[in-house]
């Protein structure tokens, strides 16, 4: 049974940090995570704000391309391998500071990440075309809509759902954290967030002060 559903866009640095916290908790407890999809490109499709210029649009487009590949991976290899691909492409993008490489040559960058995730050469060749296959967009849009149906629309990534499909299901945007909690600190935060997410009536807990992201 799935314990957590994690909705991610691979280009979001905040989702990346939160996902590494989730993986840390997985390493310390027996916890099953299902990786699901949320597209910053779709979320911002009608965004006319001054800050949302060509650079952001390109970043979000390349994240969407990687999500298409993730959908293809899930269909052919299972959800656990989606997590492997997310780890590979997230490490390359964020930890290794290669977001500009991703933007400049997304096809070869995604191919490289697939290889790092231990997909064979033949598997990489079969998967890379999905990055530009719009038939995968319906699934991405469906997951994005599902995430917002659980939290409301005025949020971004990541979105977490604890105990999906169970009586005590609870969803939350965040937590947005600037560094990755490790060990007992990771578990303490996990337990606290789970309580908040699954407590009826809780809708928001927020502060706007935010440190720069640390990916190590």
N, C-alpha and C. Protein backbone atom coordinates (compact mmCIF):
# COMPACT_ATOMS: atom_id res chain seq x y z
N UNK A 1 0.84 -1.19 0.00
CA UNK A 1 0.00 0.00 0.00
C UNK A 1 0.88 1.25 0.00
N UNK A 2 0.53 2.22 -0.83
CA UNK A 2 1.30 3.45 -0.92
C UNK A 2 1.09 4.30 0.32
N UNK A 3 2.19 4.75 0.92
CA UNK A 3 2.12 5.60 2.10
C UNK A 3 2.10 7.08 1.75
N UNK A 4 2.70 7.44 0.61
CA UNK A 4 2.79 8.84 0.22
C UNK A 4 2.78 8.95 -1.29
N UNK A 5 2.07 9.94 -1.81
CA UNK A 5 2.18 10.33 -3.21
C UNK A 5 2.87 11.69 -3.27
N UNK A 6 3.90 11.77 -4.09
CA UNK A 6 4.72 12.98 -4.20
C UNK A 6 4.59 13.51 -5.62
N UNK A 7 3.98 14.68 -5.77
CA UNK A 7 3.80 15.32 -7.07
C UNK A 7 4.98 16.25 -7.33
N UNK A 8 5.70 16.03 -8.43
CA UNK A 8 6.93 16.78 -8.67
C UNK A 8 7.03 17.28 -10.10
N UNK A 9 7.72 18.39 -10.26
CA UNK A 9 8.26 18.82 -11.55
C UNK A 9 9.77 18.83 -11.37
N UNK A 10 10.52 18.15 -12.23
CA UNK A 10 11.95 17.97 -11.98
C UNK A 10 12.78 19.25 -12.03
N UNK A 11 12.25 20.34 -12.59
CA UNK A 11 13.05 21.57 -12.63
C UNK A 11 12.88 22.43 -11.38
N UNK A 12 11.93 22.10 -10.52
CA UNK A 12 11.69 22.91 -9.33
C UNK A 12 12.73 22.59 -8.25
N UNK A 13 13.56 23.55 -7.85
CA UNK A 13 14.58 23.27 -6.83
C UNK A 13 13.99 22.96 -5.46
N UNK A 14 12.86 23.56 -5.14
CA UNK A 14 12.24 23.33 -3.83
C UNK A 14 11.64 21.94 -3.76
N UNK A 15 11.00 21.50 -4.85
CA UNK A 15 10.50 20.13 -4.89
C UNK A 15 11.65 19.14 -4.78
N UNK A 16 12.78 19.46 -5.40
CA UNK A 16 13.94 18.57 -5.35
C UNK A 16 14.42 18.39 -3.91
N UNK A 17 14.58 19.47 -3.18
CA UNK A 17 15.03 19.36 -1.79
C UNK A 17 14.04 18.55 -0.97
N UNK A 18 12.76 18.83 -1.13
CA UNK A 18 11.75 18.09 -0.38
C UNK A 18 11.78 16.61 -0.74
N UNK A 19 11.99 16.32 -2.02
CA UNK A 19 12.05 14.91 -2.44
C UNK A 19 13.23 14.18 -1.83
N UNK A 20 14.35 14.87 -1.65
CA UNK A 20 15.52 14.21 -1.03
C UNK A 20 15.26 13.96 0.45
N UNK A 21 14.49 14.80 1.07
CA UNK A 21 14.05 14.54 2.45
C UNK A 21 13.16 13.30 2.50
N UNK A 22 12.24 13.20 1.54
CA UNK A 22 11.37 12.02 1.47
C UNK A 22 12.21 10.76 1.28
N UNK A 23 13.19 10.80 0.39
CA UNK A 23 14.06 9.65 0.16
C UNK A 23 14.86 9.31 1.42
N UNK A 24 15.29 10.33 2.15
CA UNK A 24 15.98 10.11 3.42
C UNK A 24 15.08 9.35 4.40
N UNK A 25 13.83 9.77 4.50
CA UNK A 25 12.89 9.08 5.39
C UNK A 25 12.68 7.64 4.92
N UNK A 26 12.59 7.44 3.60
CA UNK A 26 12.46 6.08 3.07
C UNK A 26 13.61 5.19 3.50
N UNK A 27 14.80 5.76 3.59
CA UNK A 27 15.97 4.96 3.96
C UNK A 27 15.97 4.60 5.44
N UNK A 28 15.18 5.31 6.22
CA UNK A 28 15.16 5.10 7.67
C UNK A 28 13.93 4.33 8.14
N UNK A 29 12.89 4.34 7.33
CA UNK A 29 11.65 3.64 7.67
C UNK A 29 11.17 2.86 6.45
N UNK A 30 10.32 1.90 6.69
CA UNK A 30 9.70 1.17 5.59
C UNK A 30 8.53 2.00 5.09
N UNK A 31 8.76 2.73 3.99
CA UNK A 31 7.77 3.68 3.51
C UNK A 31 7.69 3.57 2.00
N UNK A 32 6.48 3.41 1.47
CA UNK A 32 6.30 3.29 0.02
C UNK A 32 5.83 4.62 -0.56
N UNK A 33 6.59 5.12 -1.52
CA UNK A 33 6.29 6.40 -2.15
C UNK A 33 5.91 6.16 -3.62
N UNK A 34 4.85 6.81 -4.05
CA UNK A 34 4.49 6.82 -5.47
C UNK A 34 4.81 8.20 -6.03
N UNK A 35 5.61 8.24 -7.06
CA UNK A 35 6.00 9.49 -7.70
C UNK A 35 4.96 9.86 -8.75
N UNK A 36 4.38 11.07 -8.58
CA UNK A 36 3.35 11.54 -9.51
C UNK A 36 3.78 12.87 -10.11
N UNK A 37 2.99 13.38 -11.03
CA UNK A 37 3.46 14.44 -11.91
C UNK A 37 2.64 15.73 -11.73
N UNK A 38 3.34 16.85 -11.73
CA UNK A 38 2.70 18.16 -11.74
C UNK A 38 3.57 19.07 -12.59
N UNK A 39 2.96 19.76 -13.54
CA UNK A 39 3.72 20.49 -14.55
C UNK A 39 3.65 22.00 -14.31
N UNK A 40 4.81 22.59 -14.06
CA UNK A 40 4.88 24.05 -13.93
C UNK A 40 4.54 24.73 -15.25
N UNK A 41 4.80 24.07 -16.36
CA UNK A 41 4.41 24.62 -17.66
C UNK A 41 2.90 24.74 -17.76
N UNK A 42 2.17 23.72 -17.35
CA UNK A 42 0.72 23.77 -17.40
C UNK A 42 0.16 24.76 -16.39
N UNK A 43 0.74 24.78 -15.20
CA UNK A 43 0.27 25.69 -14.15
C UNK A 43 0.37 27.14 -14.61
N UNK A 44 1.43 27.46 -15.34
CA UNK A 44 1.70 28.84 -15.76
C UNK A 44 1.31 29.12 -17.20
N UNK A 45 0.47 28.28 -17.77
CA UNK A 45 0.13 28.42 -19.19
C UNK A 45 -0.51 29.77 -19.51
N UNK A 46 -1.25 30.34 -18.57
CA UNK A 46 -1.91 31.63 -18.80
C UNK A 46 -1.27 32.75 -17.98
N UNK A 47 -0.09 32.51 -17.48
CA UNK A 47 0.60 33.50 -16.64
C UNK A 47 1.10 34.66 -17.50
N UNK A 48 0.67 35.87 -17.17
CA UNK A 48 1.10 37.06 -17.92
C UNK A 48 1.96 37.99 -17.06
N UNK A 49 2.42 37.50 -15.92
CA UNK A 49 3.23 38.33 -15.03
C UNK A 49 4.55 38.71 -15.69
N UNK A 50 5.06 39.88 -15.33
CA UNK A 50 6.31 40.36 -15.93
C UNK A 50 7.47 39.42 -15.68
N UNK A 51 7.48 38.77 -14.50
CA UNK A 51 8.61 37.91 -14.16
C UNK A 51 8.63 36.62 -14.98
N UNK A 52 7.46 36.27 -15.56
CA UNK A 52 7.38 34.99 -16.27
C UNK A 52 7.80 35.20 -17.73
N UNK A 53 9.10 35.33 -17.93
CA UNK A 53 9.64 35.60 -19.25
C UNK A 53 10.12 34.35 -19.96
N UNK A 54 10.88 34.55 -21.02
CA UNK A 54 11.30 33.44 -21.87
C UNK A 54 12.15 32.41 -21.12
N UNK A 55 12.98 32.87 -20.17
CA UNK A 55 13.83 31.92 -19.46
C UNK A 55 13.00 30.97 -18.62
N UNK A 56 12.05 31.51 -17.86
CA UNK A 56 11.18 30.65 -17.07
C UNK A 56 10.39 29.71 -17.96
N UNK A 57 9.88 30.21 -19.07
CA UNK A 57 9.10 29.38 -19.98
C UNK A 57 9.94 28.22 -20.51
N UNK A 58 11.21 28.48 -20.80
CA UNK A 58 12.08 27.40 -21.29
C UNK A 58 12.34 26.39 -20.19
N UNK A 59 12.62 26.86 -18.97
CA UNK A 59 12.83 25.94 -17.86
C UNK A 59 11.62 25.05 -17.65
N UNK A 60 10.45 25.65 -17.68
CA UNK A 60 9.23 24.87 -17.45
C UNK A 60 8.95 23.92 -18.61
N UNK A 61 9.29 24.33 -19.83
CA UNK A 61 9.11 23.44 -20.98
C UNK A 61 10.01 22.21 -20.86
N UNK A 62 11.25 22.41 -20.43
CA UNK A 62 12.15 21.25 -20.33
C UNK A 62 11.73 20.35 -19.19
N UNK A 63 11.19 20.92 -18.12
CA UNK A 63 10.65 20.07 -17.05
C UNK A 63 9.49 19.24 -17.55
N UNK A 64 8.65 19.84 -18.39
CA UNK A 64 7.51 19.12 -18.96
C UNK A 64 7.98 17.99 -19.86
N UNK A 65 9.04 18.23 -20.62
CA UNK A 65 9.61 17.16 -21.46
C UNK A 65 10.08 15.99 -20.60
N UNK A 66 10.73 16.30 -19.48
CA UNK A 66 11.19 15.23 -18.59
C UNK A 66 10.01 14.50 -17.95
N UNK A 67 8.92 15.21 -17.69
CA UNK A 67 7.74 14.55 -17.14
C UNK A 67 7.13 13.58 -18.16
N UNK A 68 7.13 13.95 -19.43
CA UNK A 68 6.65 13.01 -20.45
C UNK A 68 7.47 11.72 -20.42
N UNK A 69 8.78 11.86 -20.30
CA UNK A 69 9.63 10.68 -20.20
C UNK A 69 9.29 9.89 -18.94
N UNK A 70 9.00 10.57 -17.86
CA UNK A 70 8.63 9.90 -16.61
C UNK A 70 7.36 9.08 -16.77
N UNK A 71 6.38 9.63 -17.49
CA UNK A 71 5.15 8.88 -17.75
C UNK A 71 5.46 7.62 -18.56
N UNK A 72 6.32 7.76 -19.56
CA UNK A 72 6.70 6.60 -20.38
C UNK A 72 7.44 5.56 -19.54
N UNK A 73 8.31 6.01 -18.65
CA UNK A 73 9.02 5.08 -17.77
C UNK A 73 8.04 4.32 -16.91
N UNK A 74 7.09 5.02 -16.32
CA UNK A 74 6.12 4.34 -15.46
C UNK A 74 5.35 3.27 -16.22
N UNK A 75 4.96 3.60 -17.46
CA UNK A 75 4.19 2.65 -18.25
C UNK A 75 4.96 1.41 -18.62
N UNK A 76 6.26 1.54 -18.82
CA UNK A 76 7.07 0.41 -19.28
C UNK A 76 7.87 -0.28 -18.18
N UNK A 77 8.23 0.46 -17.14
CA UNK A 77 9.16 -0.09 -16.14
C UNK A 77 8.67 0.02 -14.70
N UNK A 78 7.59 0.74 -14.46
CA UNK A 78 7.06 0.84 -13.11
C UNK A 78 7.45 2.14 -12.42
N UNK A 79 6.72 2.44 -11.34
CA UNK A 79 6.89 3.74 -10.68
C UNK A 79 8.22 3.88 -9.95
N UNK A 80 8.77 2.79 -9.46
CA UNK A 80 10.05 2.88 -8.76
C UNK A 80 11.14 3.42 -9.68
N UNK A 81 11.06 3.05 -10.95
CA UNK A 81 12.06 3.54 -11.91
C UNK A 81 11.85 5.02 -12.24
N UNK A 82 10.61 5.51 -12.07
CA UNK A 82 10.39 6.95 -12.17
C UNK A 82 11.23 7.66 -11.11
N UNK A 83 11.23 7.11 -9.90
CA UNK A 83 12.04 7.68 -8.83
C UNK A 83 13.51 7.67 -9.16
N UNK A 84 13.98 6.61 -9.80
CA UNK A 84 15.40 6.53 -10.19
C UNK A 84 15.74 7.63 -11.21
N UNK A 85 14.84 7.81 -12.17
CA UNK A 85 15.07 8.85 -13.18
C UNK A 85 15.04 10.24 -12.56
N UNK A 86 14.09 10.47 -11.66
CA UNK A 86 14.01 11.77 -10.98
C UNK A 86 15.29 12.03 -10.20
N UNK A 87 15.80 11.02 -9.51
CA UNK A 87 17.05 11.19 -8.78
C UNK A 87 18.19 11.56 -9.72
N UNK A 88 18.26 10.90 -10.86
CA UNK A 88 19.35 11.17 -11.80
C UNK A 88 19.25 12.55 -12.41
N UNK A 89 18.07 12.91 -12.90
CA UNK A 89 17.96 14.20 -13.59
C UNK A 89 17.97 15.35 -12.58
N UNK A 90 17.45 15.12 -11.37
CA UNK A 90 17.51 16.15 -10.35
C UNK A 90 18.92 16.41 -9.87
N UNK A 91 19.70 15.36 -9.71
CA UNK A 91 21.10 15.53 -9.30
C UNK A 91 21.88 16.30 -10.36
N UNK A 92 21.67 15.94 -11.63
CA UNK A 92 22.36 16.64 -12.71
C UNK A 92 21.94 18.11 -12.78
N UNK A 93 20.64 18.36 -12.63
CA UNK A 93 20.12 19.72 -12.78
C UNK A 93 20.48 20.62 -11.62
N UNK A 94 20.29 20.11 -10.40
CA UNK A 94 20.39 20.96 -9.21
C UNK A 94 21.74 20.82 -8.50
N UNK A 95 22.10 19.62 -8.09
CA UNK A 95 23.36 19.45 -7.36
C UNK A 95 24.57 19.81 -8.20
N UNK A 96 24.52 19.42 -9.47
CA UNK A 96 25.66 19.68 -10.36
C UNK A 96 25.52 20.99 -11.12
N UNK A 97 24.43 21.73 -10.82
CA UNK A 97 24.22 23.09 -11.37
C UNK A 97 24.27 23.10 -12.90
N UNK A 98 23.50 22.20 -13.51
CA UNK A 98 23.53 22.07 -14.96
C UNK A 98 22.19 22.45 -15.60
N UNK A 99 21.44 23.30 -14.94
CA UNK A 99 20.14 23.68 -15.49
C UNK A 99 20.28 24.33 -16.87
N UNK A 100 21.31 25.13 -17.06
CA UNK A 100 21.51 25.77 -18.37
C UNK A 100 21.83 24.74 -19.45
N UNK A 101 22.57 23.69 -19.09
CA UNK A 101 22.82 22.60 -20.04
C UNK A 101 21.51 21.93 -20.43
N UNK A 102 20.66 21.71 -19.44
CA UNK A 102 19.36 21.10 -19.68
C UNK A 102 18.56 21.96 -20.66
N UNK A 103 18.55 23.27 -20.42
CA UNK A 103 17.79 24.18 -21.27
C UNK A 103 18.33 24.22 -22.70
N UNK A 104 19.64 24.14 -22.83
CA UNK A 104 20.27 24.28 -24.15
C UNK A 104 20.13 23.04 -25.01
N UNK A 105 20.09 21.87 -24.38
CA UNK A 105 20.09 20.62 -25.16
C UNK A 105 19.32 19.55 -24.39
N UNK A 106 18.02 19.74 -24.30
CA UNK A 106 17.22 18.89 -23.42
C UNK A 106 17.25 17.42 -23.84
N UNK A 107 17.25 17.14 -25.13
CA UNK A 107 17.22 15.73 -25.57
C UNK A 107 18.45 14.97 -25.10
N UNK A 108 19.63 15.52 -25.33
CA UNK A 108 20.85 14.83 -24.92
C UNK A 108 20.99 14.83 -23.40
N UNK A 109 20.51 15.88 -22.74
CA UNK A 109 20.58 15.95 -21.29
C UNK A 109 19.71 14.87 -20.65
N UNK A 110 18.48 14.73 -21.15
CA UNK A 110 17.58 13.69 -20.64
C UNK A 110 18.15 12.31 -20.94
N UNK A 111 18.72 12.12 -22.13
CA UNK A 111 19.34 10.84 -22.47
C UNK A 111 20.45 10.50 -21.49
N UNK A 112 21.24 11.49 -21.15
CA UNK A 112 22.33 11.29 -20.20
C UNK A 112 21.78 10.89 -18.83
N UNK A 113 20.72 11.57 -18.40
CA UNK A 113 20.12 11.25 -17.11
C UNK A 113 19.54 9.84 -17.10
N UNK A 114 18.95 9.42 -18.20
CA UNK A 114 18.43 8.05 -18.29
C UNK A 114 19.57 7.04 -18.14
N UNK A 115 20.69 7.32 -18.77
CA UNK A 115 21.85 6.42 -18.65
C UNK A 115 22.36 6.39 -17.21
N UNK A 116 22.41 7.54 -16.57
CA UNK A 116 22.84 7.60 -15.17
C UNK A 116 21.90 6.79 -14.29
N UNK A 117 20.62 6.76 -14.65
CA UNK A 117 19.62 5.99 -13.90
C UNK A 117 19.64 4.51 -14.26
N UNK A 118 20.64 4.09 -15.01
CA UNK A 118 20.87 2.67 -15.34
C UNK A 118 19.84 2.10 -16.31
N UNK A 119 19.33 2.95 -17.20
CA UNK A 119 18.59 2.42 -18.34
C UNK A 119 19.61 2.04 -19.42
N UNK A 120 19.34 0.94 -20.09
CA UNK A 120 20.26 0.47 -21.12
C UNK A 120 20.23 1.41 -22.32
N UNK A 121 21.22 1.26 -23.19
CA UNK A 121 21.28 2.10 -24.39
C UNK A 121 20.01 1.94 -25.22
N UNK A 122 19.54 0.71 -25.35
CA UNK A 122 18.32 0.47 -26.12
C UNK A 122 17.11 1.10 -25.44
N UNK A 123 17.06 1.04 -24.12
CA UNK A 123 15.95 1.64 -23.38
C UNK A 123 15.96 3.15 -23.49
N UNK A 124 17.15 3.74 -23.44
CA UNK A 124 17.27 5.19 -23.60
C UNK A 124 16.73 5.60 -24.97
N UNK A 125 17.10 4.87 -26.00
CA UNK A 125 16.64 5.19 -27.35
C UNK A 125 15.13 5.07 -27.46
N UNK A 126 14.56 4.09 -26.76
CA UNK A 126 13.11 3.90 -26.84
C UNK A 126 12.34 4.94 -26.03
N UNK A 127 12.98 5.51 -25.01
CA UNK A 127 12.30 6.45 -24.12
C UNK A 127 12.45 7.91 -24.55
N UNK A 128 13.55 8.27 -25.17
CA UNK A 128 13.85 9.69 -25.37
C UNK A 128 12.83 10.37 -26.28
N UNK A 129 12.26 9.64 -27.22
CA UNK A 129 11.27 10.24 -28.10
C UNK A 129 10.03 10.70 -27.38
N UNK A 130 9.75 10.11 -26.22
CA UNK A 130 8.56 10.49 -25.46
C UNK A 130 8.65 11.92 -24.94
N UNK A 131 9.86 12.48 -24.85
CA UNK A 131 10.02 13.86 -24.38
C UNK A 131 9.26 14.85 -25.25
N UNK A 132 9.04 14.48 -26.50
CA UNK A 132 8.41 15.39 -27.45
C UNK A 132 7.08 14.83 -27.97
N UNK A 133 6.54 13.86 -27.25
CA UNK A 133 5.30 13.20 -27.63
C UNK A 133 4.14 13.76 -26.81
N UNK A 134 3.29 14.55 -27.45
CA UNK A 134 2.21 15.23 -26.74
C UNK A 134 1.14 14.28 -26.23
N UNK A 135 1.17 13.03 -26.66
CA UNK A 135 0.16 12.08 -26.18
C UNK A 135 0.30 11.82 -24.69
N UNK A 136 1.47 12.12 -24.12
CA UNK A 136 1.67 11.93 -22.68
C UNK A 136 1.13 13.10 -21.86
N UNK A 137 0.74 14.18 -22.53
CA UNK A 137 0.31 15.37 -21.81
C UNK A 137 -1.00 15.16 -21.04
N UNK A 138 -1.86 14.30 -21.57
CA UNK A 138 -3.13 14.06 -20.89
C UNK A 138 -2.90 13.50 -19.49
N UNK A 139 -1.96 12.58 -19.36
CA UNK A 139 -1.67 12.01 -18.03
C UNK A 139 -1.07 13.07 -17.11
N UNK A 140 -0.17 13.88 -17.64
CA UNK A 140 0.45 14.92 -16.82
C UNK A 140 -0.61 15.92 -16.35
N UNK A 141 -1.49 16.31 -17.25
CA UNK A 141 -2.56 17.24 -16.89
C UNK A 141 -3.50 16.62 -15.87
N UNK A 142 -3.78 15.34 -16.02
CA UNK A 142 -4.66 14.65 -15.08
C UNK A 142 -4.06 14.63 -13.68
N UNK A 143 -2.77 14.33 -13.58
CA UNK A 143 -2.11 14.33 -12.27
C UNK A 143 -2.07 15.73 -11.68
N UNK A 144 -1.79 16.72 -12.52
CA UNK A 144 -1.76 18.11 -12.05
C UNK A 144 -3.12 18.51 -11.50
N UNK A 145 -4.19 18.18 -12.23
CA UNK A 145 -5.54 18.49 -11.76
C UNK A 145 -5.87 17.75 -10.47
N UNK A 146 -5.42 16.50 -10.37
CA UNK A 146 -5.67 15.73 -9.15
C UNK A 146 -4.99 16.37 -7.95
N UNK A 147 -3.75 16.79 -8.14
CA UNK A 147 -3.03 17.44 -7.04
C UNK A 147 -3.77 18.68 -6.56
N UNK A 148 -4.23 19.50 -7.51
CA UNK A 148 -4.93 20.73 -7.13
C UNK A 148 -6.30 20.45 -6.54
N UNK A 149 -6.92 19.34 -6.93
CA UNK A 149 -8.20 18.99 -6.32
C UNK A 149 -8.05 18.66 -4.85
N UNK A 150 -6.84 18.33 -4.45
CA UNK A 150 -6.57 17.97 -3.05
C UNK A 150 -6.10 19.16 -2.22
N UNK A 151 -5.55 20.19 -2.87
CA UNK A 151 -4.96 21.30 -2.13
C UNK A 151 -5.58 22.65 -2.44
N UNK A 152 -6.29 22.78 -3.55
CA UNK A 152 -6.64 24.08 -4.09
C UNK A 152 -5.57 24.52 -5.07
N UNK A 153 -5.89 25.54 -5.89
CA UNK A 153 -5.02 25.88 -7.02
C UNK A 153 -3.95 26.91 -6.71
N UNK A 154 -4.05 27.64 -5.64
CA UNK A 154 -3.10 28.73 -5.40
C UNK A 154 -1.83 28.23 -4.72
N UNK A 155 -1.25 27.17 -5.29
CA UNK A 155 -0.03 26.58 -4.75
C UNK A 155 0.85 26.13 -5.92
N UNK A 156 2.03 25.60 -5.61
CA UNK A 156 2.93 25.12 -6.65
C UNK A 156 3.44 23.73 -6.34
N UNK A 157 4.74 23.53 -6.46
CA UNK A 157 5.34 22.23 -6.21
C UNK A 157 6.32 22.34 -5.04
N UNK A 158 6.44 21.26 -4.26
CA UNK A 158 5.80 19.96 -4.42
C UNK A 158 4.45 19.90 -3.72
N UNK A 159 3.67 18.90 -4.05
CA UNK A 159 2.45 18.56 -3.32
C UNK A 159 2.59 17.13 -2.83
N UNK A 160 2.29 16.92 -1.56
CA UNK A 160 2.38 15.61 -0.92
C UNK A 160 1.00 15.16 -0.47
N UNK A 161 0.69 13.90 -0.70
CA UNK A 161 -0.52 13.29 -0.16
C UNK A 161 -0.12 12.12 0.73
N UNK A 162 -0.42 12.25 2.01
CA UNK A 162 -0.18 11.17 2.97
C UNK A 162 -1.37 10.21 2.95
N UNK A 163 -1.08 8.91 3.02
CA UNK A 163 -2.10 7.86 3.11
C UNK A 163 -3.16 7.97 2.01
N UNK A 164 -2.76 8.03 0.73
CA UNK A 164 -3.73 8.20 -0.35
C UNK A 164 -4.74 7.06 -0.39
N UNK A 165 -6.01 7.45 -0.55
CA UNK A 165 -7.08 6.47 -0.64
C UNK A 165 -7.54 5.91 0.68
N UNK A 166 -6.95 6.36 1.77
CA UNK A 166 -7.33 5.87 3.09
C UNK A 166 -8.16 6.91 3.83
N UNK A 167 -8.77 6.49 4.91
CA UNK A 167 -9.66 7.38 5.66
C UNK A 167 -8.93 8.61 6.18
N UNK A 168 -7.67 8.46 6.51
CA UNK A 168 -6.89 9.58 7.06
C UNK A 168 -6.02 10.26 6.01
N UNK A 169 -6.43 10.20 4.73
CA UNK A 169 -5.70 10.87 3.67
C UNK A 169 -5.60 12.37 3.95
N UNK A 170 -4.44 12.93 3.66
CA UNK A 170 -4.26 14.37 3.80
C UNK A 170 -3.20 14.88 2.85
N UNK A 171 -3.46 16.04 2.24
CA UNK A 171 -2.54 16.61 1.25
C UNK A 171 -2.11 18.01 1.65
N UNK A 172 -0.92 18.38 1.16
CA UNK A 172 -0.33 19.67 1.52
C UNK A 172 0.61 20.11 0.41
N UNK A 173 0.65 21.43 0.17
CA UNK A 173 1.74 22.01 -0.62
C UNK A 173 2.93 22.17 0.31
N UNK A 174 4.07 21.64 -0.13
CA UNK A 174 5.27 21.73 0.70
C UNK A 174 5.57 20.40 1.39
N UNK A 175 6.40 20.44 2.43
CA UNK A 175 7.02 21.63 2.99
C UNK A 175 8.10 22.19 2.06
N UNK A 176 8.16 23.51 1.99
CA UNK A 176 9.24 24.19 1.27
C UNK A 176 10.39 24.36 2.26
N UNK A 177 11.48 23.68 2.00
CA UNK A 177 12.63 23.70 2.91
C UNK A 177 13.88 24.03 2.10
N UNK A 178 14.81 24.73 2.72
CA UNK A 178 15.98 25.21 1.99
C UNK A 178 17.18 24.27 2.11
N UNK A 179 17.09 23.28 2.98
CA UNK A 179 18.15 22.27 3.08
C UNK A 179 17.50 20.93 3.40
N UNK A 180 18.24 19.86 3.22
CA UNK A 180 17.69 18.51 3.36
C UNK A 180 17.89 18.03 4.79
N UNK A 181 16.83 17.81 5.56
CA UNK A 181 16.99 17.23 6.89
C UNK A 181 17.51 15.79 6.79
N UNK A 182 18.37 15.42 7.70
CA UNK A 182 18.95 14.08 7.70
C UNK A 182 18.70 13.41 9.06
N UNK A 183 18.72 12.08 9.04
CA UNK A 183 18.64 11.31 10.27
C UNK A 183 17.42 11.61 11.10
N UNK A 184 17.60 11.76 12.40
CA UNK A 184 16.49 11.96 13.32
C UNK A 184 15.74 13.26 13.02
N UNK A 185 16.45 14.27 12.52
CA UNK A 185 15.79 15.52 12.16
C UNK A 185 14.79 15.30 11.03
N UNK A 186 15.15 14.46 10.07
CA UNK A 186 14.24 14.15 8.96
C UNK A 186 12.98 13.47 9.47
N UNK A 187 13.13 12.55 10.40
CA UNK A 187 11.98 11.83 10.94
C UNK A 187 11.10 12.74 11.78
N UNK A 188 11.71 13.62 12.55
CA UNK A 188 10.94 14.56 13.38
C UNK A 188 10.08 15.46 12.50
N UNK A 189 10.69 15.99 11.44
CA UNK A 189 9.93 16.84 10.53
C UNK A 189 8.83 16.05 9.83
N UNK A 190 9.15 14.83 9.42
CA UNK A 190 8.16 13.99 8.75
C UNK A 190 6.93 13.78 9.63
N UNK A 191 7.15 13.39 10.86
CA UNK A 191 6.03 13.13 11.77
C UNK A 191 5.20 14.39 11.99
N UNK A 192 5.88 15.53 12.10
CA UNK A 192 5.16 16.78 12.31
C UNK A 192 4.31 17.16 11.10
N UNK A 193 4.88 17.05 9.91
CA UNK A 193 4.16 17.39 8.69
C UNK A 193 3.00 16.44 8.47
N UNK A 194 3.21 15.16 8.76
CA UNK A 194 2.12 14.19 8.61
C UNK A 194 0.95 14.53 9.51
N UNK A 195 1.23 14.93 10.74
CA UNK A 195 0.17 15.32 11.66
C UNK A 195 -0.59 16.53 11.12
N UNK A 196 0.15 17.54 10.66
CA UNK A 196 -0.49 18.74 10.13
C UNK A 196 -1.33 18.41 8.90
N UNK A 197 -0.78 17.62 7.99
CA UNK A 197 -1.47 17.31 6.73
C UNK A 197 -2.74 16.50 6.94
N UNK A 198 -2.77 15.68 7.97
CA UNK A 198 -3.91 14.77 8.17
C UNK A 198 -4.86 15.25 9.26
N UNK A 199 -4.62 16.44 9.82
CA UNK A 199 -5.52 16.99 10.83
C UNK A 199 -6.64 17.75 10.14
N UNK A 200 -7.89 17.35 10.32
CA UNK A 200 -9.00 18.04 9.66
C UNK A 200 -9.05 19.52 10.05
N UNK A 201 -9.32 20.37 9.06
CA UNK A 201 -9.49 21.79 9.32
C UNK A 201 -8.26 22.64 9.12
N UNK A 202 -7.08 22.02 9.07
CA UNK A 202 -5.85 22.79 8.88
C UNK A 202 -5.70 23.14 7.40
N UNK A 203 -5.50 24.43 7.09
CA UNK A 203 -5.39 24.82 5.69
C UNK A 203 -4.07 25.50 5.35
N UNK A 204 -3.44 26.21 6.29
CA UNK A 204 -2.23 26.94 5.91
C UNK A 204 -1.36 27.20 7.13
N UNK A 205 -0.06 27.06 6.91
CA UNK A 205 0.97 27.41 7.89
C UNK A 205 2.13 27.93 7.07
N UNK A 206 2.48 29.22 7.21
CA UNK A 206 3.38 29.81 6.22
C UNK A 206 4.20 30.94 6.81
N UNK A 207 5.45 31.07 6.30
CA UNK A 207 6.22 32.29 6.47
C UNK A 207 6.95 32.56 5.17
N UNK A 208 7.16 33.83 4.87
CA UNK A 208 7.73 34.19 3.57
C UNK A 208 9.24 34.32 3.58
N UNK A 209 9.87 34.34 4.75
CA UNK A 209 11.32 34.36 4.82
C UNK A 209 11.86 33.02 4.31
N UNK A 210 12.82 33.08 3.39
CA UNK A 210 13.31 31.84 2.78
C UNK A 210 14.80 31.96 2.47
N UNK A 211 15.58 31.00 2.92
CA UNK A 211 17.00 30.97 2.61
C UNK A 211 17.22 30.40 1.22
N UNK A 212 18.40 30.62 0.67
CA UNK A 212 18.74 30.04 -0.63
C UNK A 212 18.81 28.52 -0.51
N UNK A 213 18.42 27.79 -1.56
CA UNK A 213 18.41 26.33 -1.48
C UNK A 213 19.81 25.74 -1.40
N UNK A 214 19.95 24.73 -0.56
CA UNK A 214 21.20 23.97 -0.41
C UNK A 214 20.89 22.53 -0.78
N UNK A 215 21.56 21.98 -1.79
CA UNK A 215 21.19 20.67 -2.33
C UNK A 215 22.01 19.51 -1.77
N UNK A 216 23.03 19.77 -0.99
CA UNK A 216 23.89 18.71 -0.49
C UNK A 216 23.21 17.94 0.65
